Amino acid sequence: MPDVNGFELDARLAGDCLILGELDCSLLLLMNNALVPWFILVPVTKATEIYQLPGEQQQQLLKEIDLLSHFINSEFAIEKLNVAAIGNIVKQLHVHIVGRHSSDYCWPGVVWGAEQSEPYSDVEIKRIKASLKSRLKQHITMD
C-alpha cells in the first residue's frame, strides 16, 4: 500500500463502516448494514477524484473494483452491482460497490441515505473476512 503522509480515514466512513483490511492501493471497508452487501474502497491518497490519481493507481483501483465485484457476485445473492464514487458528503475519494437485489430494503432507490439499517453480527463479519481472505489471498492484508 502506498505511504501517503497524513492519510486519515474520514470520520464518517470510520463511524459507519468496519475496516476489513488493505488491498494494494486501498482500504477495504464494509458498511455496517447487513441489509445489503455494501463494500467501500478508499484509495490511500490525498486526491479527491479518480482522474487526479496517477495512471498506475487508477489502474490498480480498477483492478480492486473488479476483484471486489467478482467477490460480491459470487458470495451474495445479487441481481445488480452498483459501483459509484460520488463524494458529495464525504469528500475523501472512496468507491461504493453494492450488491443489489429487487427484494432489498430500498430497491430500486439508492442505498445511501436510506433509513433502515441492521448491524452485522460478529459471526457474519468473521464469515465475510474468511471468504475475503480465501478468495483474495494474494491481494488482501488483514489483521
N, C-alpha and C. Protein backbone atom coordinates (compact mmCIF):
# COMPACT_ATOMS: atom_id res chain seq x y z
N MET A 1 0.86 -1.17 0.00
CA MET A 1 0.00 0.00 0.00
C MET A 1 0.90 1.23 0.00
N PRO A 2 0.57 2.23 -0.81
CA PRO A 2 1.39 3.44 -0.84
C PRO A 2 1.35 4.15 0.51
N ASP A 3 2.46 4.74 0.89
CA ASP A 3 2.52 5.51 2.14
C ASP A 3 2.23 6.96 1.80
N VAL A 4 1.08 7.43 2.22
CA VAL A 4 0.71 8.82 1.96
C VAL A 4 0.75 9.56 3.28
N ASN A 5 1.70 10.47 3.36
CA ASN A 5 1.88 11.24 4.59
C ASN A 5 0.59 11.95 4.96
N GLY A 6 0.14 11.74 6.17
CA GLY A 6 -1.05 12.44 6.64
C GLY A 6 -2.37 11.82 6.22
N PHE A 7 -2.35 10.63 5.56
CA PHE A 7 -3.61 9.99 5.18
C PHE A 7 -4.37 9.60 6.43
N GLU A 8 -5.64 9.95 6.46
CA GLU A 8 -6.51 9.59 7.57
C GLU A 8 -7.88 9.26 7.01
N LEU A 9 -8.45 8.18 7.50
CA LEU A 9 -9.79 7.80 7.06
C LEU A 9 -10.79 8.82 7.55
N ASP A 10 -11.67 9.27 6.67
CA ASP A 10 -12.71 10.23 7.01
C ASP A 10 -13.52 9.72 8.20
N ALA A 11 -13.83 10.60 9.13
CA ALA A 11 -14.53 10.23 10.37
C ALA A 11 -15.89 9.60 10.08
N ARG A 12 -16.58 10.06 9.07
CA ARG A 12 -17.90 9.49 8.76
C ARG A 12 -17.77 8.05 8.27
N LEU A 13 -16.79 7.80 7.40
CA LEU A 13 -16.55 6.43 6.93
C LEU A 13 -16.13 5.55 8.10
N ALA A 14 -15.26 6.05 8.94
CA ALA A 14 -14.80 5.28 10.10
C ALA A 14 -15.97 4.95 11.03
N GLY A 15 -16.92 5.84 11.17
CA GLY A 15 -18.06 5.62 12.06
C GLY A 15 -19.12 4.70 11.49
N ASP A 16 -19.28 4.72 10.16
CA ASP A 16 -20.34 3.93 9.52
C ASP A 16 -19.89 2.54 9.07
N CYS A 17 -18.58 2.33 9.01
CA CYS A 17 -18.04 1.12 8.38
C CYS A 17 -17.14 0.31 9.30
N LEU A 18 -16.92 -0.91 8.89
CA LEU A 18 -15.95 -1.81 9.52
C LEU A 18 -14.75 -1.89 8.59
N ILE A 19 -13.55 -1.76 9.12
CA ILE A 19 -12.35 -1.89 8.30
C ILE A 19 -12.03 -3.38 8.21
N LEU A 20 -12.06 -3.91 6.99
CA LEU A 20 -11.81 -5.33 6.77
C LEU A 20 -10.35 -5.65 6.50
N GLY A 21 -9.65 -4.72 5.86
CA GLY A 21 -8.25 -4.96 5.52
C GLY A 21 -7.74 -3.94 4.53
N GLU A 22 -6.59 -4.26 3.95
CA GLU A 22 -5.95 -3.39 2.96
C GLU A 22 -5.71 -4.19 1.68
N LEU A 23 -6.00 -3.54 0.56
CA LEU A 23 -5.63 -4.09 -0.74
C LEU A 23 -4.37 -3.35 -1.18
N ASP A 24 -3.96 -3.51 -2.42
CA ASP A 24 -2.71 -2.90 -2.86
C ASP A 24 -2.69 -1.38 -2.79
N CYS A 25 -3.82 -0.73 -3.07
CA CYS A 25 -3.82 0.74 -3.01
C CYS A 25 -4.97 1.30 -2.18
N SER A 26 -5.79 0.45 -1.59
CA SER A 26 -7.00 0.93 -0.90
C SER A 26 -7.23 0.23 0.43
N LEU A 27 -7.91 0.95 1.33
CA LEU A 27 -8.50 0.31 2.49
C LEU A 27 -9.81 -0.32 2.02
N LEU A 28 -10.13 -1.49 2.56
CA LEU A 28 -11.39 -2.16 2.23
C LEU A 28 -12.31 -2.06 3.43
N LEU A 29 -13.45 -1.42 3.24
CA LEU A 29 -14.43 -1.22 4.30
C LEU A 29 -15.71 -1.98 3.97
N LEU A 30 -16.47 -2.27 5.01
CA LEU A 30 -17.79 -2.86 4.88
C LEU A 30 -18.76 -1.95 5.61
N MET A 31 -19.74 -1.41 4.89
CA MET A 31 -20.77 -0.61 5.54
C MET A 31 -21.47 -1.50 6.55
N ASN A 32 -21.58 -1.03 7.77
CA ASN A 32 -22.16 -1.86 8.83
C ASN A 32 -23.69 -1.85 8.74
N ASN A 33 -24.18 -2.39 7.62
CA ASN A 33 -25.61 -2.55 7.38
C ASN A 33 -25.81 -3.86 6.63
N ALA A 34 -26.19 -4.89 7.37
CA ALA A 34 -26.31 -6.23 6.81
C ALA A 34 -27.48 -6.40 5.86
N LEU A 35 -28.26 -5.34 5.62
CA LEU A 35 -29.41 -5.44 4.71
C LEU A 35 -28.99 -5.54 3.25
N VAL A 36 -27.79 -5.07 2.93
CA VAL A 36 -27.23 -5.20 1.58
C VAL A 36 -25.72 -5.39 1.69
N PRO A 37 -25.11 -6.16 0.77
CA PRO A 37 -23.65 -6.27 0.77
C PRO A 37 -23.04 -4.99 0.18
N TRP A 38 -22.53 -4.14 1.06
CA TRP A 38 -22.10 -2.79 0.68
C TRP A 38 -20.66 -2.59 1.13
N PHE A 39 -19.76 -2.66 0.17
CA PHE A 39 -18.34 -2.51 0.43
C PHE A 39 -17.88 -1.15 -0.10
N ILE A 40 -16.79 -0.66 0.50
CA ILE A 40 -16.24 0.63 0.09
C ILE A 40 -14.73 0.51 -0.02
N LEU A 41 -14.18 0.94 -1.14
CA LEU A 41 -12.74 1.04 -1.32
C LEU A 41 -12.32 2.49 -1.10
N VAL A 42 -11.31 2.71 -0.27
CA VAL A 42 -10.80 4.05 -0.03
C VAL A 42 -9.33 4.05 -0.44
N PRO A 43 -9.02 4.57 -1.63
CA PRO A 43 -7.62 4.63 -2.03
C PRO A 43 -6.81 5.47 -1.03
N VAL A 44 -5.61 4.98 -0.73
CA VAL A 44 -4.74 5.71 0.20
C VAL A 44 -4.06 6.81 -0.61
N THR A 45 -4.69 7.97 -0.59
CA THR A 45 -4.24 9.12 -1.36
C THR A 45 -4.87 10.38 -0.79
N LYS A 46 -4.29 11.50 -1.14
CA LYS A 46 -4.92 12.77 -0.79
C LYS A 46 -5.79 13.30 -1.94
N ALA A 47 -5.73 12.62 -3.08
CA ALA A 47 -6.58 13.00 -4.21
C ALA A 47 -8.04 12.79 -3.82
N THR A 48 -8.91 13.63 -4.36
CA THR A 48 -10.34 13.52 -4.06
C THR A 48 -11.15 13.03 -5.25
N GLU A 49 -10.52 12.88 -6.39
CA GLU A 49 -11.20 12.43 -7.61
C GLU A 49 -10.36 11.36 -8.29
N ILE A 50 -11.00 10.43 -8.95
CA ILE A 50 -10.28 9.35 -9.62
C ILE A 50 -9.33 9.91 -10.68
N TYR A 51 -9.76 10.90 -11.44
CA TYR A 51 -8.91 11.43 -12.51
C TYR A 51 -7.63 12.07 -11.98
N GLN A 52 -7.59 12.40 -10.68
CA GLN A 52 -6.40 13.00 -10.08
C GLN A 52 -5.34 11.97 -9.70
N LEU A 53 -5.72 10.70 -9.71
CA LEU A 53 -4.75 9.65 -9.37
C LEU A 53 -3.78 9.45 -10.53
N PRO A 54 -2.53 9.11 -10.23
CA PRO A 54 -1.61 8.74 -11.32
C PRO A 54 -2.18 7.52 -12.07
N GLY A 55 -1.86 7.40 -13.33
CA GLY A 55 -2.40 6.33 -14.17
C GLY A 55 -2.27 4.95 -13.56
N GLU A 56 -1.11 4.64 -12.97
CA GLU A 56 -0.89 3.33 -12.36
C GLU A 56 -1.85 3.08 -11.20
N GLN A 57 -2.09 4.12 -10.39
CA GLN A 57 -3.01 3.96 -9.27
C GLN A 57 -4.46 3.85 -9.75
N GLN A 58 -4.80 4.56 -10.84
CA GLN A 58 -6.13 4.41 -11.43
C GLN A 58 -6.35 2.97 -11.88
N GLN A 59 -5.36 2.38 -12.53
CA GLN A 59 -5.47 1.01 -13.00
C GLN A 59 -5.57 0.03 -11.82
N GLN A 60 -4.81 0.30 -10.75
CA GLN A 60 -4.87 -0.56 -9.57
C GLN A 60 -6.24 -0.48 -8.91
N LEU A 61 -6.80 0.73 -8.83
CA LEU A 61 -8.14 0.90 -8.26
C LEU A 61 -9.17 0.14 -9.09
N LEU A 62 -9.08 0.22 -10.40
CA LEU A 62 -9.99 -0.51 -11.27
C LEU A 62 -9.86 -2.02 -11.05
N LYS A 63 -8.65 -2.50 -10.88
CA LYS A 63 -8.42 -3.92 -10.60
C LYS A 63 -9.08 -4.31 -9.27
N GLU A 64 -8.96 -3.45 -8.26
CA GLU A 64 -9.57 -3.74 -6.96
C GLU A 64 -11.10 -3.73 -7.04
N ILE A 65 -11.65 -2.80 -7.81
CA ILE A 65 -13.11 -2.78 -8.04
C ILE A 65 -13.54 -4.09 -8.70
N ASP A 66 -12.78 -4.54 -9.67
CA ASP A 66 -13.08 -5.79 -10.37
C ASP A 66 -13.02 -6.98 -9.41
N LEU A 67 -11.97 -7.07 -8.61
CA LEU A 67 -11.84 -8.17 -7.64
C LEU A 67 -13.02 -8.20 -6.68
N LEU A 68 -13.36 -7.04 -6.14
CA LEU A 68 -14.44 -6.97 -5.17
C LEU A 68 -15.79 -7.22 -5.83
N SER A 69 -15.97 -6.77 -7.04
CA SER A 69 -17.23 -7.03 -7.77
C SER A 69 -17.43 -8.53 -7.96
N HIS A 70 -16.38 -9.22 -8.38
CA HIS A 70 -16.48 -10.67 -8.54
C HIS A 70 -16.77 -11.35 -7.20
N PHE A 71 -16.12 -10.88 -6.14
CA PHE A 71 -16.34 -11.43 -4.81
C PHE A 71 -17.81 -11.27 -4.41
N ILE A 72 -18.35 -10.08 -4.53
CA ILE A 72 -19.75 -9.82 -4.14
C ILE A 72 -20.70 -10.66 -4.97
N ASN A 73 -20.45 -10.73 -6.27
CA ASN A 73 -21.31 -11.51 -7.15
C ASN A 73 -21.34 -12.99 -6.77
N SER A 74 -20.20 -13.51 -6.33
CA SER A 74 -20.15 -14.94 -6.02
C SER A 74 -20.58 -15.26 -4.58
N GLU A 75 -20.48 -14.31 -3.66
CA GLU A 75 -20.75 -14.58 -2.25
C GLU A 75 -22.17 -14.21 -1.80
N PHE A 76 -22.84 -13.37 -2.56
CA PHE A 76 -24.15 -12.87 -2.15
C PHE A 76 -25.16 -13.09 -3.27
N ALA A 77 -26.42 -13.23 -2.91
CA ALA A 77 -27.49 -13.39 -3.91
C ALA A 77 -27.86 -12.00 -4.43
N ILE A 78 -27.24 -11.60 -5.53
CA ILE A 78 -27.50 -10.27 -6.09
C ILE A 78 -28.00 -10.38 -7.52
N GLU A 79 -28.68 -9.32 -7.95
CA GLU A 79 -29.11 -9.20 -9.35
C GLU A 79 -28.30 -8.14 -10.08
N LYS A 80 -27.79 -7.17 -9.32
CA LYS A 80 -27.15 -6.00 -9.92
C LYS A 80 -26.06 -5.49 -9.00
N LEU A 81 -25.00 -4.95 -9.58
CA LEU A 81 -23.96 -4.28 -8.81
C LEU A 81 -24.06 -2.78 -9.06
N ASN A 82 -24.01 -2.01 -8.01
CA ASN A 82 -23.92 -0.55 -8.13
C ASN A 82 -22.50 -0.16 -7.74
N VAL A 83 -21.80 0.53 -8.63
CA VAL A 83 -20.43 1.00 -8.37
C VAL A 83 -20.45 2.50 -8.57
N ALA A 84 -20.03 3.23 -7.52
CA ALA A 84 -20.10 4.69 -7.62
C ALA A 84 -19.05 5.36 -6.74
N ALA A 85 -18.52 6.47 -7.24
CA ALA A 85 -17.61 7.34 -6.49
C ALA A 85 -18.25 8.72 -6.49
N ILE A 86 -19.17 8.95 -5.58
CA ILE A 86 -19.95 10.18 -5.61
C ILE A 86 -19.28 11.29 -4.79
N GLY A 87 -19.16 11.09 -3.49
CA GLY A 87 -18.40 12.01 -2.65
C GLY A 87 -19.00 13.37 -2.43
N ASN A 88 -20.31 13.51 -2.47
CA ASN A 88 -20.92 14.82 -2.20
C ASN A 88 -20.88 15.15 -0.72
N ILE A 89 -21.00 14.16 0.15
CA ILE A 89 -20.98 14.40 1.60
C ILE A 89 -19.59 14.12 2.15
N VAL A 90 -19.04 12.94 1.83
CA VAL A 90 -17.68 12.59 2.24
C VAL A 90 -16.76 12.93 1.07
N LYS A 91 -15.94 13.94 1.24
CA LYS A 91 -15.08 14.42 0.15
C LYS A 91 -13.91 13.47 -0.15
N GLN A 92 -13.50 12.65 0.84
CA GLN A 92 -12.40 11.72 0.63
C GLN A 92 -12.76 10.76 -0.49
N LEU A 93 -11.82 10.52 -1.39
CA LEU A 93 -12.07 9.61 -2.50
C LEU A 93 -12.41 8.22 -1.97
N HIS A 94 -13.55 7.71 -2.37
CA HIS A 94 -13.98 6.36 -1.99
C HIS A 94 -14.94 5.85 -3.05
N VAL A 95 -14.96 4.53 -3.21
CA VAL A 95 -15.79 3.90 -4.23
C VAL A 95 -16.72 2.90 -3.54
N HIS A 96 -18.02 3.10 -3.73
CA HIS A 96 -19.03 2.18 -3.21
C HIS A 96 -19.20 1.04 -4.21
N ILE A 97 -19.24 -0.20 -3.70
CA ILE A 97 -19.56 -1.36 -4.52
C ILE A 97 -20.64 -2.11 -3.75
N VAL A 98 -21.86 -2.04 -4.29
CA VAL A 98 -23.03 -2.51 -3.55
C VAL A 98 -23.75 -3.57 -4.37
N GLY A 99 -23.97 -4.71 -3.74
CA GLY A 99 -24.75 -5.76 -4.38
C GLY A 99 -26.23 -5.50 -4.13
N ARG A 100 -27.02 -5.50 -5.19
CA ARG A 100 -28.45 -5.18 -5.07
C ARG A 100 -29.31 -6.35 -5.52
N HIS A 101 -30.51 -6.38 -4.98
CA HIS A 101 -31.50 -7.39 -5.33
C HIS A 101 -32.86 -6.71 -5.28
N SER A 102 -33.76 -7.10 -6.16
CA SER A 102 -35.07 -6.44 -6.24
C SER A 102 -35.88 -6.59 -4.96
N SER A 103 -35.47 -7.47 -4.06
CA SER A 103 -36.17 -7.60 -2.78
C SER A 103 -35.46 -6.87 -1.64
N ASP A 104 -34.37 -6.13 -1.94
CA ASP A 104 -33.69 -5.46 -0.83
C ASP A 104 -34.49 -4.26 -0.33
N TYR A 105 -34.15 -3.76 0.81
CA TYR A 105 -34.96 -2.81 1.56
C TYR A 105 -35.24 -1.48 0.88
N CYS A 106 -34.45 -1.08 -0.06
CA CYS A 106 -34.73 0.23 -0.70
C CYS A 106 -34.74 0.16 -2.22
N TRP A 107 -34.85 -1.03 -2.77
CA TRP A 107 -34.94 -1.20 -4.23
C TRP A 107 -36.15 -0.47 -4.77
N PRO A 108 -36.10 0.21 -5.85
CA PRO A 108 -34.97 0.41 -6.74
C PRO A 108 -34.18 1.68 -6.43
N GLY A 109 -34.46 2.30 -5.30
CA GLY A 109 -33.76 3.52 -4.92
C GLY A 109 -32.31 3.26 -4.53
N VAL A 110 -31.62 4.33 -4.19
CA VAL A 110 -30.21 4.24 -3.79
C VAL A 110 -30.12 3.81 -2.33
N VAL A 111 -29.01 3.22 -1.96
CA VAL A 111 -28.82 2.77 -0.58
C VAL A 111 -28.36 3.90 0.34
N TRP A 112 -27.59 4.86 -0.20
CA TRP A 112 -27.08 5.93 0.67
C TRP A 112 -28.23 6.85 1.07
N GLY A 113 -28.27 7.13 2.35
CA GLY A 113 -29.32 7.99 2.87
C GLY A 113 -30.59 7.26 3.28
N ALA A 114 -30.71 5.99 2.92
CA ALA A 114 -31.90 5.22 3.32
C ALA A 114 -31.83 4.97 4.83
N GLU A 115 -32.97 5.04 5.48
CA GLU A 115 -33.02 4.98 6.94
C GLU A 115 -32.80 3.60 7.55
N GLN A 116 -33.28 2.54 6.93
CA GLN A 116 -33.19 1.21 7.53
C GLN A 116 -31.75 0.74 7.65
N SER A 117 -31.46 0.08 8.77
CA SER A 117 -30.12 -0.42 8.99
C SER A 117 -30.17 -1.59 9.97
N GLU A 118 -29.30 -2.55 9.75
CA GLU A 118 -29.17 -3.70 10.65
C GLU A 118 -27.68 -4.04 10.74
N PRO A 119 -27.06 -3.82 11.90
CA PRO A 119 -25.62 -4.10 12.01
C PRO A 119 -25.31 -5.57 11.79
N TYR A 120 -24.11 -5.82 11.28
CA TYR A 120 -23.64 -7.19 11.10
C TYR A 120 -23.38 -7.84 12.44
N SER A 121 -23.65 -9.13 12.54
CA SER A 121 -23.29 -9.90 13.73
C SER A 121 -21.79 -10.22 13.65
N ASP A 122 -21.19 -10.52 14.78
CA ASP A 122 -19.78 -10.91 14.80
C ASP A 122 -19.55 -12.15 13.94
N VAL A 123 -20.49 -13.09 13.98
CA VAL A 123 -20.38 -14.31 13.19
C VAL A 123 -20.35 -13.98 11.69
N GLU A 124 -21.23 -13.09 11.26
CA GLU A 124 -21.29 -12.73 9.84
C GLU A 124 -20.02 -11.98 9.41
N ILE A 125 -19.51 -11.12 10.25
CA ILE A 125 -18.27 -10.40 9.94
C ILE A 125 -17.12 -11.39 9.77
N LYS A 126 -17.03 -12.35 10.68
CA LYS A 126 -15.98 -13.37 10.59
C LYS A 126 -16.13 -14.18 9.31
N ARG A 127 -17.36 -14.50 8.91
CA ARG A 127 -17.59 -15.26 7.69
C ARG A 127 -17.13 -14.48 6.46
N ILE A 128 -17.49 -13.19 6.42
CA ILE A 128 -17.09 -12.35 5.29
C ILE A 128 -15.57 -12.22 5.23
N LYS A 129 -14.93 -11.99 6.37
CA LYS A 129 -13.47 -11.88 6.40
C LYS A 129 -12.80 -13.17 5.93
N ALA A 130 -13.30 -14.30 6.39
CA ALA A 130 -12.73 -15.58 5.98
C ALA A 130 -12.88 -15.79 4.48
N SER A 131 -14.03 -15.44 3.93
CA SER A 131 -14.26 -15.58 2.49
C SER A 131 -13.34 -14.65 1.71
N LEU A 132 -13.19 -13.42 2.18
CA LEU A 132 -12.28 -12.47 1.51
C LEU A 132 -10.85 -12.99 1.53
N LYS A 133 -10.42 -13.47 2.69
CA LYS A 133 -9.06 -13.97 2.83
C LYS A 133 -8.82 -15.16 1.91
N SER A 134 -9.81 -16.03 1.80
CA SER A 134 -9.70 -17.20 0.94
C SER A 134 -9.69 -16.82 -0.54
N ARG A 135 -10.59 -15.94 -0.92
CA ARG A 135 -10.76 -15.58 -2.35
C ARG A 135 -9.72 -14.57 -2.85
N LEU A 136 -9.31 -13.64 -1.98
CA LEU A 136 -8.40 -12.56 -2.40
C LEU A 136 -7.03 -12.67 -1.75
N LYS A 137 -6.64 -13.87 -1.38
CA LYS A 137 -5.47 -14.08 -0.52
C LYS A 137 -4.21 -13.34 -0.92
N GLN A 138 -3.87 -13.27 -2.18
CA GLN A 138 -2.64 -12.58 -2.57
C GLN A 138 -2.84 -11.07 -2.72
N HIS A 139 -4.07 -10.59 -2.58
CA HIS A 139 -4.35 -9.16 -2.76
C HIS A 139 -4.70 -8.43 -1.48
N ILE A 140 -5.00 -9.16 -0.40
CA ILE A 140 -5.53 -8.52 0.80
C ILE A 140 -4.65 -8.80 2.01
N THR A 141 -4.52 -7.77 2.85
CA THR A 141 -3.83 -7.89 4.14
C THR A 141 -4.86 -7.61 5.21
N MET A 142 -4.96 -8.53 6.15
CA MET A 142 -5.93 -8.38 7.25
C MET A 142 -5.20 -8.56 8.57
N ASP A 143 -5.77 -7.95 9.62
CA ASP A 143 -5.21 -8.14 10.97
C ASP A 143 -5.52 -9.51 11.49
